[in-house]
Protein backbone atom coordinates (compact mmCIF):
# COMPACT_ATOMS: atom_id res chain seq x y z
CA MET A 1 -13.73 4.11 0.79
CA ILE A 2 -15.46 0.73 0.66
CA HIS A 3 -13.60 -2.47 1.60
CA ILE A 4 -15.04 -5.82 0.50
CA VAL A 5 -14.58 -8.47 3.17
CA LYS A 6 -12.31 -11.37 2.20
CA PRO A 7 -12.27 -14.89 3.70
CA GLY A 8 -10.84 -14.94 7.22
CA GLU A 9 -11.07 -11.18 7.80
CA THR A 10 -12.41 -9.71 11.01
CA LEU A 11 -13.07 -6.09 11.91
CA SER A 12 -9.86 -6.19 13.97
CA ILE A 13 -7.85 -7.26 10.92
CA ILE A 14 -9.50 -4.63 8.73
CA SER A 15 -8.88 -2.02 11.42
CA ALA A 16 -5.18 -2.90 11.56
CA ASN A 17 -4.77 -3.07 7.78
CA TYR A 18 -6.26 0.39 7.24
CA ARG A 19 -4.81 1.93 10.44
CA VAL A 20 -8.31 2.93 11.58
CA SER A 21 -9.50 2.35 15.14
CA LEU A 22 -12.22 -0.21 15.77
CA ARG A 23 -14.32 2.58 17.27
CA ARG A 24 -14.17 4.56 14.01
CA LEU A 25 -15.00 1.43 11.99
CA TYR A 26 -18.05 0.71 14.14
CA ALA A 27 -19.14 4.36 13.90
CA ALA A 28 -18.84 4.29 10.09
CA ASN A 29 -20.71 0.96 9.88
CA PRO A 30 -23.64 1.09 12.35
CA GLY A 31 -25.09 -2.30 13.23
CA VAL A 32 -22.19 -4.27 11.79
CA GLY A 33 -21.90 -7.63 13.49
CA HIS A 34 -20.51 -10.91 12.23
CA LEU A 35 -18.78 -10.27 8.89
CA GLN A 36 -19.64 -12.17 5.73
CA VAL A 37 -17.33 -12.65 2.75
CA GLY A 38 -18.27 -10.03 0.17
CA GLN A 39 -19.78 -7.66 2.72
CA HIS A 40 -19.05 -3.96 2.18
CA ILE A 41 -17.34 -2.09 5.01
CA GLN A 42 -16.95 1.69 4.93
CA ILE A 43 -13.37 2.79 5.72
CA PRO A 44 -13.53 6.32 7.15
CA GLY A 45 -10.94 8.90 6.13
CA LEU A 46 -9.95 7.45 2.76
CA PRO A 47 -11.32 8.54 -0.60
CA GLU A 48 -12.82 5.96 -2.95
CA PRO A 49 -9.87 4.76 -5.12
CA SER A 50 -11.98 5.05 -8.29
CA THR A 51 -12.02 8.83 -7.76
CA ILE A 52 -8.21 9.01 -7.90
CA PRO A 53 -6.73 9.20 -11.41
CA TYR A 54 -3.47 7.55 -10.37
CA SER A 55 -2.77 3.85 -9.94
CA ILE A 56 0.39 1.90 -9.23
CA GLN A 57 1.34 -1.50 -10.62
CA ILE A 58 4.25 -3.34 -9.05
CA SER A 59 5.95 -6.25 -10.79
CA VAL A 60 7.88 -8.21 -8.18
CA GLY A 61 9.64 -10.35 -10.80
CA LYS A 62 10.70 -7.39 -12.93
CA ARG A 63 11.43 -5.30 -9.83
CA ARG A 64 9.68 -2.23 -11.12
CA LEU A 65 6.92 0.09 -10.00
CA THR A 66 4.83 1.62 -12.77
CA LEU A 67 2.76 4.75 -12.20
CA PHE A 68 -0.33 5.40 -14.32
CA ASN A 69 -2.59 8.45 -14.62
CA ASN A 70 -6.03 7.56 -16.03
CA GLY A 71 -4.51 4.38 -17.46
CA ARG A 72 -1.66 6.19 -19.20
CA LEU A 73 1.94 5.42 -18.33
CA VAL A 74 3.56 8.23 -16.34
CA LYS A 75 6.82 6.69 -15.15
CA ILE A 76 8.57 3.42 -14.34
CA PHE A 77 10.73 3.26 -11.21
CA PRO A 78 13.27 0.58 -10.23
CA ILE A 79 12.55 -1.06 -6.86
CA ALA A 80 13.76 -3.66 -4.39
CA VAL A 81 11.35 -6.35 -3.20
CA GLY A 82 11.06 -9.02 -0.53
CA LYS A 83 13.53 -11.85 -0.30
CA MET A 84 12.53 -15.51 -0.58
CA LEU A 85 11.54 -15.98 3.06
CA THR A 86 9.79 -12.61 3.36
CA GLN A 87 8.25 -12.10 -0.05
CA THR A 88 6.36 -9.03 -1.18
CA PRO A 89 2.66 -9.98 -1.00
CA SER A 90 0.70 -10.11 -4.27
CA GLY A 91 -2.71 -8.49 -4.23
CA ASP A 92 -4.64 -5.26 -4.53
CA TYR A 93 -4.10 -2.63 -1.87
CA VAL A 94 -4.35 1.12 -1.34
CA ILE A 95 -2.00 3.65 0.23
CA VAL A 96 -3.52 4.39 3.64
CA ASN A 97 -1.09 6.90 5.16
CA ARG A 98 2.45 8.21 4.99
CA GLN A 99 5.23 9.28 7.30
CA TYR A 100 8.12 11.52 6.37
CA ASN A 101 11.59 10.81 7.79
CA PRO A 102 10.59 7.59 9.60
CA GLY A 103 14.23 6.78 10.29
CA GLY A 104 16.19 3.56 10.02
CA PRO A 105 16.09 1.58 6.79
CA PHE A 106 12.96 3.36 5.51
CA GLY A 107 14.75 6.33 3.99
CA VAL A 108 12.98 9.68 3.66
CA LEU A 109 9.40 8.44 3.40
CA TRP A 110 7.13 5.52 4.34
CA MET A 111 3.75 5.01 2.61
CA SER A 112 1.67 2.32 4.35
CA LEU A 113 -0.28 -0.17 2.28
CA SER A 114 -3.63 -1.63 3.33
CA LYS A 115 -1.85 -4.74 4.57
CA GLN A 116 -0.41 -4.26 8.02
CA GLY A 117 3.39 -4.19 8.12
CA TYR A 118 3.87 -3.49 4.41
CA GLY A 119 4.62 -0.30 2.55
CA ILE A 120 6.42 1.54 -0.19
CA HIS A 121 9.40 3.42 1.18
CA GLY A 122 12.77 4.96 0.55
CA THR A 123 16.00 3.32 1.66
CA ASN A 124 19.20 4.00 3.53
CA ASP A 125 20.88 1.42 1.24
CA PRO A 126 20.53 2.54 -2.39
CA SER A 127 22.64 -0.43 -3.56
CA SER A 128 19.69 -2.70 -2.65
CA ILE A 129 17.48 -1.34 -5.45
CA GLY A 130 16.96 -3.98 -8.14
CA LYS A 131 17.38 -6.85 -5.68
CA ALA A 132 15.15 -9.16 -3.62
CA VAL A 133 16.36 -8.17 -0.16
CA SER A 134 13.56 -6.58 1.88
CA HIS A 135 11.25 -8.04 4.51
CA GLY A 136 8.40 -7.76 1.99
CA CYS A 137 8.16 -4.02 1.49
CA VAL A 138 8.83 -2.18 -1.75
CA ARG A 139 11.99 -0.08 -1.54
CA MET A 140 12.70 2.86 -3.81
CA TYR A 141 15.48 5.36 -4.22
CA ASN A 142 14.74 8.26 -1.86
CA ARG A 143 14.39 10.77 -4.71
CA ASP A 144 11.98 8.39 -6.49
CA VAL A 145 9.73 7.77 -3.49
CA MET A 146 9.53 11.53 -2.90
CA GLN A 147 8.59 12.11 -6.53
CA LEU A 148 5.94 9.40 -6.33
CA ALA A 149 4.52 10.76 -3.07
CA GLU A 150 4.16 14.24 -4.57
CA MET A 151 1.84 12.80 -7.22
CA VAL A 152 -0.24 10.11 -5.51
CA PRO A 153 -2.64 10.78 -2.62
CA ASN A 154 -3.69 8.38 0.11
CA GLY A 155 -6.31 6.05 -1.33
CA THR A 156 -4.29 5.38 -4.50
CA ARG A 157 -4.67 1.79 -5.76
CA VAL A 158 -1.56 -0.40 -5.62
CA MET A 159 -1.64 -3.69 -7.54
CA ILE A 160 1.24 -6.03 -6.70
CA ARG A 161 1.83 -8.95 -9.07
CA PRO A 162 4.45 -11.75 -9.04
């Protein structure tokens, strides 16, 4: 996968966001030095998102996650989003990895986004779905996050909008 450097990003930030070691980033990008905005950085281990037919659009305001396959609507899921002080970040991300049964408030599955500390996950509090209550993550009913995870691979595009 190719990441395009944004203002203020360093290799350390990119490494953390994609959960890839600095050593692997340097190996995948020989001769990389000082980063420039717009520079292309190879992210090892993730497919190019354009090769994946699925995409996810998240509407924070409507509190819904919409799954598309080749641009066609597959399903709309209800979600919970970040509260006022810890809002869900708008932007374009990809799913970088997943962990089953992470424990605690994350329900049955955690899917990391390419922004460190944020993900799409299940919940141990189903009554929170439809509300703005998280620390910025996107919460789903456990059955819904499992259904989503069965369909979308790592590298799937996730577009979060207000």
